[in-house]
N, C-alpha and C. Protein backbone atom coordinates (compact mmCIF):
# COMPACT_ATOMS: atom_id res chain seq x y z
N MET A 1 -9.59 -22.04 -8.81
CA MET A 1 -9.35 -20.63 -8.60
C MET A 1 -10.58 -19.80 -8.93
N ALA A 2 -11.66 -20.45 -9.16
CA ALA A 2 -12.85 -19.73 -9.58
C ALA A 2 -13.63 -19.23 -8.37
N GLU A 3 -14.32 -18.15 -8.63
CA GLU A 3 -15.18 -17.56 -7.62
C GLU A 3 -16.59 -18.08 -7.86
N VAL A 4 -17.32 -18.40 -6.80
CA VAL A 4 -18.71 -18.80 -6.97
C VAL A 4 -19.55 -17.56 -7.21
N SER A 5 -20.79 -17.72 -7.63
CA SER A 5 -21.60 -16.61 -8.11
C SER A 5 -21.90 -15.53 -7.07
N ASP A 6 -21.82 -15.83 -5.79
CA ASP A 6 -22.14 -14.81 -4.79
C ASP A 6 -20.92 -14.05 -4.28
N GLY A 7 -19.79 -14.16 -4.95
CA GLY A 7 -18.60 -13.39 -4.58
C GLY A 7 -17.68 -14.11 -3.62
N ARG A 8 -18.07 -15.30 -3.17
CA ARG A 8 -17.20 -16.08 -2.28
C ARG A 8 -16.17 -16.82 -3.13
N VAL A 9 -15.08 -17.20 -2.50
CA VAL A 9 -14.09 -18.01 -3.19
C VAL A 9 -14.22 -19.45 -2.74
N ARG A 10 -13.95 -20.34 -3.63
CA ARG A 10 -13.98 -21.76 -3.27
C ARG A 10 -12.78 -22.07 -2.39
N PRO A 11 -12.88 -23.09 -1.53
CA PRO A 11 -11.73 -23.47 -0.70
C PRO A 11 -10.48 -23.69 -1.55
N GLY A 12 -9.38 -23.10 -1.13
CA GLY A 12 -8.13 -23.24 -1.86
C GLY A 12 -7.98 -22.27 -3.01
N ALA A 13 -9.02 -21.50 -3.31
CA ALA A 13 -8.95 -20.55 -4.42
C ALA A 13 -8.49 -19.19 -3.90
N GLY A 14 -8.30 -18.26 -4.78
CA GLY A 14 -7.92 -16.91 -4.39
C GLY A 14 -6.43 -16.66 -4.39
N TRP A 15 -5.64 -17.66 -4.65
CA TRP A 15 -4.19 -17.47 -4.64
C TRP A 15 -3.74 -16.53 -5.75
N LEU A 16 -4.56 -16.38 -6.76
CA LEU A 16 -4.21 -15.46 -7.84
C LEU A 16 -4.05 -14.03 -7.33
N SER A 17 -4.81 -13.68 -6.29
CA SER A 17 -4.70 -12.33 -5.74
C SER A 17 -3.31 -12.07 -5.18
N LEU A 18 -2.59 -13.12 -4.82
CA LEU A 18 -1.22 -12.92 -4.32
C LEU A 18 -0.33 -12.31 -5.39
N ASN A 19 -0.67 -12.50 -6.66
CA ASN A 19 0.09 -11.85 -7.72
C ASN A 19 -0.02 -10.33 -7.60
N ALA A 20 -1.18 -9.84 -7.18
CA ALA A 20 -1.34 -8.39 -6.97
C ALA A 20 -0.41 -7.92 -5.87
N LEU A 21 -0.33 -8.69 -4.78
CA LEU A 21 0.56 -8.34 -3.67
C LEU A 21 2.00 -8.23 -4.18
N VAL A 22 2.45 -9.23 -4.89
CA VAL A 22 3.83 -9.25 -5.39
C VAL A 22 4.05 -8.12 -6.39
N LEU A 23 3.08 -7.88 -7.26
CA LEU A 23 3.22 -6.84 -8.28
C LEU A 23 3.31 -5.45 -7.65
N VAL A 24 2.43 -5.16 -6.70
CA VAL A 24 2.48 -3.86 -6.01
C VAL A 24 3.83 -3.68 -5.33
N PHE A 25 4.26 -4.72 -4.61
CA PHE A 25 5.55 -4.66 -3.91
C PHE A 25 6.70 -4.42 -4.89
N LEU A 26 6.75 -5.19 -5.98
CA LEU A 26 7.85 -5.07 -6.94
C LEU A 26 7.87 -3.73 -7.66
N ILE A 27 6.71 -3.25 -8.08
CA ILE A 27 6.67 -1.94 -8.77
C ILE A 27 7.15 -0.84 -7.83
N ASP A 28 6.70 -0.87 -6.58
CA ASP A 28 7.14 0.12 -5.60
C ASP A 28 8.66 0.03 -5.39
N ARG A 29 9.17 -1.16 -5.18
CA ARG A 29 10.61 -1.33 -4.93
C ARG A 29 11.43 -0.89 -6.14
N LEU A 30 11.02 -1.28 -7.34
CA LEU A 30 11.77 -0.90 -8.54
C LEU A 30 11.79 0.62 -8.71
N HIS A 31 10.68 1.28 -8.46
CA HIS A 31 10.64 2.73 -8.55
C HIS A 31 11.61 3.37 -7.56
N LYS A 32 11.60 2.89 -6.33
CA LYS A 32 12.46 3.47 -5.31
C LYS A 32 13.94 3.19 -5.59
N VAL A 33 14.24 1.98 -6.01
CA VAL A 33 15.63 1.65 -6.35
C VAL A 33 16.12 2.53 -7.50
N ALA A 34 15.28 2.73 -8.51
CA ALA A 34 15.67 3.57 -9.65
C ALA A 34 15.97 5.00 -9.19
N GLN A 35 15.07 5.61 -8.44
CA GLN A 35 15.25 7.01 -8.04
C GLN A 35 16.40 7.19 -7.06
N ILE A 36 16.51 6.28 -6.10
CA ILE A 36 17.50 6.48 -5.04
C ILE A 36 18.88 5.96 -5.43
N HIS A 37 18.93 4.78 -6.01
CA HIS A 37 20.22 4.15 -6.28
C HIS A 37 20.73 4.40 -7.70
N LEU A 38 19.85 4.39 -8.69
CA LEU A 38 20.31 4.61 -10.07
C LEU A 38 20.46 6.10 -10.38
N PHE A 39 19.46 6.91 -9.98
CA PHE A 39 19.51 8.34 -10.28
C PHE A 39 20.14 9.16 -9.16
N GLY A 40 20.40 8.53 -8.02
CA GLY A 40 21.14 9.18 -6.94
C GLY A 40 20.40 10.22 -6.13
N TRP A 41 19.07 10.18 -6.13
CA TRP A 41 18.33 11.14 -5.32
C TRP A 41 18.58 10.86 -3.86
N LYS A 42 18.81 11.90 -3.08
CA LYS A 42 19.11 11.77 -1.65
C LYS A 42 17.96 12.29 -0.77
N GLY A 43 17.18 13.20 -1.31
CA GLY A 43 16.10 13.84 -0.57
C GLY A 43 16.13 15.32 -0.82
N GLY A 44 14.98 15.92 -1.03
CA GLY A 44 14.90 17.35 -1.30
C GLY A 44 14.82 17.69 -2.77
N GLU A 45 15.08 16.73 -3.66
CA GLU A 45 14.96 16.99 -5.09
C GLU A 45 13.48 17.22 -5.42
N ALA A 46 13.23 18.09 -6.40
CA ALA A 46 11.85 18.38 -6.79
C ALA A 46 11.78 18.73 -8.26
N VAL A 47 10.81 18.15 -8.94
CA VAL A 47 10.54 18.46 -10.34
C VAL A 47 9.07 18.86 -10.42
N THR A 48 8.79 20.09 -10.86
CA THR A 48 7.41 20.53 -11.01
C THR A 48 6.84 19.90 -12.27
N VAL A 49 5.74 19.16 -12.11
CA VAL A 49 5.10 18.49 -13.23
C VAL A 49 3.90 19.29 -13.71
N THR A 50 3.08 19.73 -12.80
CA THR A 50 1.93 20.60 -13.10
C THR A 50 1.84 21.64 -11.98
N PRO A 51 0.94 22.61 -12.09
CA PRO A 51 0.80 23.59 -11.00
C PRO A 51 0.33 22.97 -9.68
N PHE A 52 -0.15 21.74 -9.70
CA PHE A 52 -0.65 21.11 -8.47
C PHE A 52 0.06 19.79 -8.13
N PHE A 53 1.09 19.42 -8.92
CA PHE A 53 1.75 18.14 -8.71
C PHE A 53 3.26 18.27 -8.92
N ASP A 54 4.03 17.85 -7.91
CA ASP A 54 5.49 17.83 -8.01
C ASP A 54 5.98 16.40 -7.80
N TYR A 55 7.07 16.09 -8.48
CA TYR A 55 7.74 14.81 -8.28
C TYR A 55 8.96 15.11 -7.41
N VAL A 56 8.99 14.57 -6.20
CA VAL A 56 9.99 14.94 -5.20
C VAL A 56 10.52 13.69 -4.52
N LEU A 57 11.51 13.86 -3.65
CA LEU A 57 11.88 12.80 -2.71
C LEU A 57 11.88 13.40 -1.32
N VAL A 58 10.98 12.89 -0.50
CA VAL A 58 10.86 13.30 0.90
C VAL A 58 10.94 12.04 1.74
N TRP A 59 11.75 12.06 2.79
CA TRP A 59 11.87 10.92 3.70
C TRP A 59 10.88 11.09 4.84
N ASN A 60 9.92 10.18 4.93
CA ASN A 60 8.90 10.23 5.96
C ASN A 60 9.30 9.30 7.10
N THR A 61 9.67 9.88 8.23
CA THR A 61 10.08 9.08 9.38
C THR A 61 8.90 8.66 10.25
N GLY A 62 7.71 9.17 9.93
CA GLY A 62 6.51 8.79 10.67
C GLY A 62 5.64 7.87 9.83
N VAL A 63 4.34 7.99 10.04
CA VAL A 63 3.38 7.25 9.21
C VAL A 63 2.60 8.31 8.43
N SER A 64 1.38 8.08 8.06
CA SER A 64 0.61 9.04 7.26
C SER A 64 0.75 10.45 7.79
N TYR A 65 1.02 11.36 6.85
CA TYR A 65 1.18 12.78 7.17
C TYR A 65 2.27 13.04 8.21
N GLY A 66 3.22 12.11 8.34
CA GLY A 66 4.32 12.29 9.27
C GLY A 66 3.97 12.06 10.73
N LEU A 67 2.77 11.54 11.00
CA LEU A 67 2.39 11.26 12.39
C LEU A 67 3.36 10.27 13.01
N PHE A 68 3.60 10.39 14.28
CA PHE A 68 4.49 9.51 15.05
C PHE A 68 5.93 9.54 14.55
N ALA A 69 6.37 10.67 14.02
CA ALA A 69 7.73 10.79 13.50
C ALA A 69 8.78 10.58 14.58
N GLY A 70 8.44 10.82 15.84
CA GLY A 70 9.40 10.65 16.92
C GLY A 70 9.49 9.23 17.47
N VAL A 71 8.63 8.35 16.97
CA VAL A 71 8.62 6.96 17.44
C VAL A 71 9.82 6.23 16.83
N PRO A 72 10.53 5.41 17.60
CA PRO A 72 11.67 4.67 17.06
C PRO A 72 11.29 3.80 15.86
N VAL A 73 12.18 3.72 14.89
CA VAL A 73 11.94 2.94 13.67
C VAL A 73 11.56 1.51 14.00
N ALA A 74 12.25 0.90 14.96
CA ALA A 74 11.96 -0.49 15.32
C ALA A 74 10.53 -0.66 15.80
N ALA A 75 10.01 0.32 16.53
CA ALA A 75 8.62 0.25 17.02
C ALA A 75 7.64 0.37 15.86
N LEU A 76 7.92 1.26 14.91
CA LEU A 76 7.06 1.40 13.73
C LEU A 76 7.07 0.11 12.91
N ILE A 77 8.25 -0.47 12.72
CA ILE A 77 8.35 -1.72 11.96
C ILE A 77 7.58 -2.83 12.67
N ALA A 78 7.71 -2.91 13.98
CA ALA A 78 6.99 -3.94 14.75
C ALA A 78 5.48 -3.76 14.61
N ALA A 79 5.00 -2.53 14.72
CA ALA A 79 3.56 -2.27 14.60
C ALA A 79 3.07 -2.63 13.19
N MET A 80 3.85 -2.25 12.18
CA MET A 80 3.47 -2.57 10.80
C MET A 80 3.49 -4.07 10.57
N ALA A 81 4.44 -4.77 11.15
CA ALA A 81 4.53 -6.22 10.98
C ALA A 81 3.34 -6.91 11.64
N VAL A 82 2.96 -6.46 12.82
CA VAL A 82 1.79 -7.04 13.51
C VAL A 82 0.54 -6.82 12.67
N ALA A 83 0.37 -5.61 12.14
CA ALA A 83 -0.78 -5.32 11.29
C ALA A 83 -0.77 -6.18 10.04
N ALA A 84 0.40 -6.36 9.43
CA ALA A 84 0.50 -7.18 8.22
C ALA A 84 0.16 -8.64 8.50
N VAL A 85 0.59 -9.14 9.63
CA VAL A 85 0.24 -10.52 10.01
C VAL A 85 -1.27 -10.65 10.18
N GLY A 86 -1.88 -9.69 10.85
CA GLY A 86 -3.33 -9.70 11.02
C GLY A 86 -4.07 -9.67 9.70
N LEU A 87 -3.62 -8.81 8.79
CA LEU A 87 -4.24 -8.74 7.46
C LEU A 87 -4.02 -10.04 6.69
N GLY A 88 -2.85 -10.66 6.88
CA GLY A 88 -2.57 -11.94 6.23
C GLY A 88 -3.52 -13.03 6.70
N PHE A 89 -3.79 -13.07 8.00
CA PHE A 89 -4.76 -14.04 8.52
C PHE A 89 -6.15 -13.78 7.94
N TRP A 90 -6.50 -12.50 7.87
CA TRP A 90 -7.80 -12.14 7.30
C TRP A 90 -7.86 -12.61 5.85
N TRP A 91 -6.79 -12.36 5.06
CA TRP A 91 -6.73 -12.79 3.66
C TRP A 91 -6.96 -14.30 3.57
N PHE A 92 -6.31 -15.05 4.42
CA PHE A 92 -6.38 -16.51 4.37
C PHE A 92 -7.77 -17.02 4.73
N ARG A 93 -8.46 -16.36 5.66
CA ARG A 93 -9.73 -16.86 6.18
C ARG A 93 -10.97 -16.35 5.43
N THR A 94 -10.84 -15.26 4.69
CA THR A 94 -12.02 -14.67 4.06
C THR A 94 -12.58 -15.57 2.96
N GLU A 95 -13.87 -15.47 2.77
CA GLU A 95 -14.52 -16.18 1.67
C GLU A 95 -14.83 -15.24 0.51
N SER A 96 -14.51 -13.97 0.65
CA SER A 96 -14.81 -12.98 -0.38
C SER A 96 -13.59 -12.76 -1.28
N ALA A 97 -13.81 -12.95 -2.57
CA ALA A 97 -12.73 -12.71 -3.53
C ALA A 97 -12.31 -11.24 -3.52
N LEU A 98 -13.27 -10.33 -3.45
CA LEU A 98 -12.94 -8.91 -3.46
C LEU A 98 -12.15 -8.52 -2.22
N THR A 99 -12.49 -9.10 -1.08
CA THR A 99 -11.72 -8.85 0.14
C THR A 99 -10.29 -9.35 -0.04
N ARG A 100 -10.12 -10.52 -0.62
CA ARG A 100 -8.76 -11.04 -0.85
C ARG A 100 -7.96 -10.10 -1.74
N TRP A 101 -8.57 -9.61 -2.81
CA TRP A 101 -7.86 -8.69 -3.70
C TRP A 101 -7.51 -7.39 -2.96
N GLY A 102 -8.44 -6.87 -2.18
CA GLY A 102 -8.17 -5.65 -1.43
C GLY A 102 -7.03 -5.84 -0.44
N LEU A 103 -7.07 -6.93 0.27
CA LEU A 103 -6.00 -7.22 1.25
C LEU A 103 -4.66 -7.43 0.55
N ALA A 104 -4.68 -8.07 -0.60
CA ALA A 104 -3.43 -8.30 -1.33
C ALA A 104 -2.80 -6.98 -1.77
N PHE A 105 -3.59 -6.06 -2.31
CA PHE A 105 -3.06 -4.74 -2.69
C PHE A 105 -2.52 -4.01 -1.47
N ALA A 106 -3.29 -4.01 -0.38
CA ALA A 106 -2.86 -3.31 0.83
C ALA A 106 -1.58 -3.91 1.40
N LEU A 107 -1.50 -5.24 1.43
CA LEU A 107 -0.30 -5.89 1.96
C LEU A 107 0.92 -5.66 1.07
N GLY A 108 0.73 -5.66 -0.23
CA GLY A 108 1.86 -5.37 -1.13
C GLY A 108 2.45 -4.00 -0.85
N GLY A 109 1.58 -3.01 -0.65
CA GLY A 109 2.05 -1.67 -0.30
C GLY A 109 2.67 -1.61 1.07
N ALA A 110 2.06 -2.28 2.03
CA ALA A 110 2.60 -2.29 3.39
C ALA A 110 4.00 -2.89 3.41
N PHE A 111 4.18 -4.00 2.70
CA PHE A 111 5.51 -4.62 2.67
C PHE A 111 6.53 -3.70 2.01
N GLY A 112 6.13 -2.95 0.99
CA GLY A 112 7.03 -1.98 0.37
C GLY A 112 7.50 -0.93 1.35
N ASN A 113 6.58 -0.43 2.17
CA ASN A 113 6.95 0.59 3.15
C ASN A 113 7.74 0.00 4.32
N ILE A 114 7.46 -1.24 4.69
CA ILE A 114 8.25 -1.90 5.73
C ILE A 114 9.70 -2.06 5.27
N VAL A 115 9.88 -2.47 4.03
CA VAL A 115 11.25 -2.63 3.51
C VAL A 115 11.97 -1.29 3.50
N ASP A 116 11.28 -0.21 3.16
CA ASP A 116 11.89 1.12 3.23
C ASP A 116 12.42 1.40 4.64
N ARG A 117 11.60 1.14 5.63
CA ARG A 117 12.04 1.40 7.01
C ARG A 117 13.22 0.53 7.39
N LEU A 118 13.22 -0.70 6.94
CA LEU A 118 14.35 -1.59 7.24
C LEU A 118 15.63 -1.12 6.57
N ILE A 119 15.54 -0.67 5.33
CA ILE A 119 16.73 -0.26 4.56
C ILE A 119 17.17 1.16 4.90
N TYR A 120 16.21 2.10 4.90
CA TYR A 120 16.56 3.52 5.01
C TYR A 120 16.23 4.14 6.37
N GLY A 121 15.42 3.47 7.17
CA GLY A 121 14.98 4.05 8.43
C GLY A 121 13.84 5.02 8.27
N ALA A 122 13.32 5.17 7.07
CA ALA A 122 12.21 6.06 6.75
C ALA A 122 11.59 5.58 5.44
N VAL A 123 10.42 6.11 5.13
CA VAL A 123 9.74 5.76 3.88
C VAL A 123 10.01 6.84 2.85
N ALA A 124 10.38 6.42 1.65
CA ALA A 124 10.63 7.35 0.55
C ALA A 124 9.30 7.69 -0.13
N ASP A 125 8.92 8.97 -0.08
CA ASP A 125 7.69 9.44 -0.73
C ASP A 125 8.07 10.34 -1.90
N PHE A 126 7.31 10.28 -3.00
CA PHE A 126 7.69 10.94 -4.24
C PHE A 126 6.66 11.87 -4.86
N PHE A 127 5.39 11.64 -4.61
CA PHE A 127 4.34 12.34 -5.34
C PHE A 127 3.68 13.36 -4.42
N SER A 128 3.81 14.63 -4.77
CA SER A 128 3.32 15.73 -3.92
C SER A 128 2.15 16.43 -4.60
N LEU A 129 0.99 16.40 -3.94
CA LEU A 129 -0.19 17.11 -4.43
C LEU A 129 -0.36 18.39 -3.62
N HIS A 130 -0.61 19.50 -4.31
CA HIS A 130 -0.74 20.78 -3.63
C HIS A 130 -1.59 21.74 -4.46
N ALA A 131 -2.10 22.75 -3.79
CA ALA A 131 -2.86 23.81 -4.49
C ALA A 131 -2.81 25.07 -3.64
N MET A 132 -2.62 26.20 -4.30
CA MET A 132 -2.62 27.51 -3.65
C MET A 132 -1.72 27.55 -2.42
N GLY A 133 -0.56 26.92 -2.51
CA GLY A 133 0.41 26.95 -1.43
C GLY A 133 0.16 25.96 -0.31
N VAL A 134 -0.89 25.16 -0.42
CA VAL A 134 -1.20 24.16 0.59
C VAL A 134 -0.80 22.79 0.05
N TYR A 135 0.06 22.11 0.80
CA TYR A 135 0.52 20.79 0.40
C TYR A 135 -0.31 19.74 1.15
N PHE A 136 -1.07 18.95 0.37
CA PHE A 136 -2.02 18.02 0.95
C PHE A 136 -1.41 16.70 1.35
N TYR A 137 -0.61 16.15 0.48
CA TYR A 137 -0.20 14.77 0.69
C TYR A 137 1.02 14.48 -0.17
N ILE A 138 1.99 13.80 0.40
CA ILE A 138 3.12 13.28 -0.37
C ILE A 138 3.11 11.78 -0.17
N PHE A 139 3.13 11.02 -1.26
CA PHE A 139 2.94 9.58 -1.16
C PHE A 139 3.84 8.85 -2.16
N ASN A 140 3.80 7.53 -2.12
CA ASN A 140 4.58 6.69 -3.02
C ASN A 140 3.68 5.63 -3.64
N LEU A 141 4.25 4.78 -4.47
CA LEU A 141 3.45 3.75 -5.14
C LEU A 141 2.92 2.71 -4.15
N ALA A 142 3.64 2.44 -3.07
CA ALA A 142 3.14 1.53 -2.04
C ALA A 142 1.86 2.09 -1.44
N ASP A 143 1.83 3.40 -1.20
CA ASP A 143 0.64 4.04 -0.67
C ASP A 143 -0.54 3.94 -1.64
N VAL A 144 -0.24 4.01 -2.94
CA VAL A 144 -1.30 3.82 -3.95
C VAL A 144 -1.88 2.42 -3.83
N GLY A 145 -1.00 1.41 -3.69
CA GLY A 145 -1.48 0.04 -3.51
C GLY A 145 -2.34 -0.11 -2.27
N ILE A 146 -1.91 0.51 -1.17
CA ILE A 146 -2.69 0.46 0.07
C ILE A 146 -4.05 1.12 -0.14
N SER A 147 -4.07 2.26 -0.81
CA SER A 147 -5.33 2.98 -1.05
C SER A 147 -6.27 2.19 -1.95
N VAL A 148 -5.74 1.58 -3.00
CA VAL A 148 -6.56 0.73 -3.88
C VAL A 148 -7.13 -0.43 -3.07
N GLY A 149 -6.29 -1.04 -2.24
CA GLY A 149 -6.75 -2.14 -1.41
C GLY A 149 -7.87 -1.73 -0.47
N LEU A 150 -7.72 -0.57 0.17
CA LEU A 150 -8.76 -0.08 1.07
C LEU A 150 -10.05 0.23 0.31
N LEU A 151 -9.93 0.79 -0.89
CA LEU A 151 -11.11 1.06 -1.71
C LEU A 151 -11.84 -0.24 -2.04
N LEU A 152 -11.10 -1.29 -2.40
CA LEU A 152 -11.73 -2.58 -2.69
C LEU A 152 -12.42 -3.15 -1.45
N LEU A 153 -11.81 -2.99 -0.28
CA LEU A 153 -12.43 -3.47 0.96
C LEU A 153 -13.72 -2.71 1.26
N VAL A 154 -13.72 -1.40 1.04
CA VAL A 154 -14.93 -0.61 1.26
C VAL A 154 -16.02 -1.02 0.28
N ILE A 155 -15.67 -1.18 -0.98
CA ILE A 155 -16.65 -1.63 -1.98
C ILE A 155 -17.24 -2.97 -1.56
N ASP A 156 -16.39 -3.87 -1.09
CA ASP A 156 -16.87 -5.18 -0.67
C ASP A 156 -17.81 -5.07 0.53
N MET A 157 -17.54 -4.12 1.42
CA MET A 157 -18.38 -3.96 2.61
C MET A 157 -19.75 -3.41 2.26
N VAL A 158 -19.85 -2.52 1.28
CA VAL A 158 -21.12 -1.86 1.00
C VAL A 158 -21.91 -2.49 -0.15
N ARG A 159 -21.30 -3.39 -0.88
CA ARG A 159 -22.04 -3.97 -2.00
C ARG A 159 -23.12 -4.92 -1.50
N PRO A 160 -24.23 -4.97 -2.22
CA PRO A 160 -25.29 -5.90 -1.81
C PRO A 160 -24.83 -7.35 -1.97
N ARG A 161 -25.27 -8.18 -1.07
CA ARG A 161 -24.92 -9.60 -1.10
C ARG A 161 -26.09 -10.40 -1.64
N ARG A 162 -25.77 -11.39 -2.45
CA ARG A 162 -26.80 -12.33 -2.91
C ARG A 162 -27.01 -13.37 -1.83
N ARG A 163 -28.22 -13.77 -1.69
CA ARG A 163 -28.51 -14.84 -0.71
C ARG A 163 -28.18 -16.18 -1.33
N ARG A 164 -27.60 -17.02 -0.51
CA ARG A 164 -27.27 -18.38 -0.97
C ARG A 164 -28.54 -19.21 -0.96
N ALA A 165 -28.66 -20.04 -1.97
CA ALA A 165 -29.81 -20.97 -2.02
C ALA A 165 -29.65 -22.02 -0.92
N ALA A 166 -30.75 -22.29 -0.24
CA ALA A 166 -30.70 -23.25 0.87
C ALA A 166 -30.89 -24.66 0.40
């Protein structure tokens, strides 16, 4: 399971990153189950935490920022599943440990949002950032996992690579 010195993973290594996938997925699911099923939130609830942050429940029937809200749920699930399969192949084939970790975080979040669509027909979003009456983004823990994963992928793309000894 060790990484070689240039950031590549040895054949058969990298499975540890799957723990990140499972952890992101489970934390997201547990949070949603607690708010929706244990505390009974239905949608529209809001708790002001700071002047720029509210804890809410909003059902997102689209994707980021509500885009494609009119697209049938089955089509969104199919598109997300195809993307997840593609990312899974990338995870399996990459030689970069950082890429594997990034993909694992992103996939854990994607699976959390796919399960939301399967169960509720929409994604449950909870964290609302706003300032001066402008609401920027409402997101959930799955989205945090996806964002962390994308950040790791960008870092991996821009970091300098060591040359392998010939």
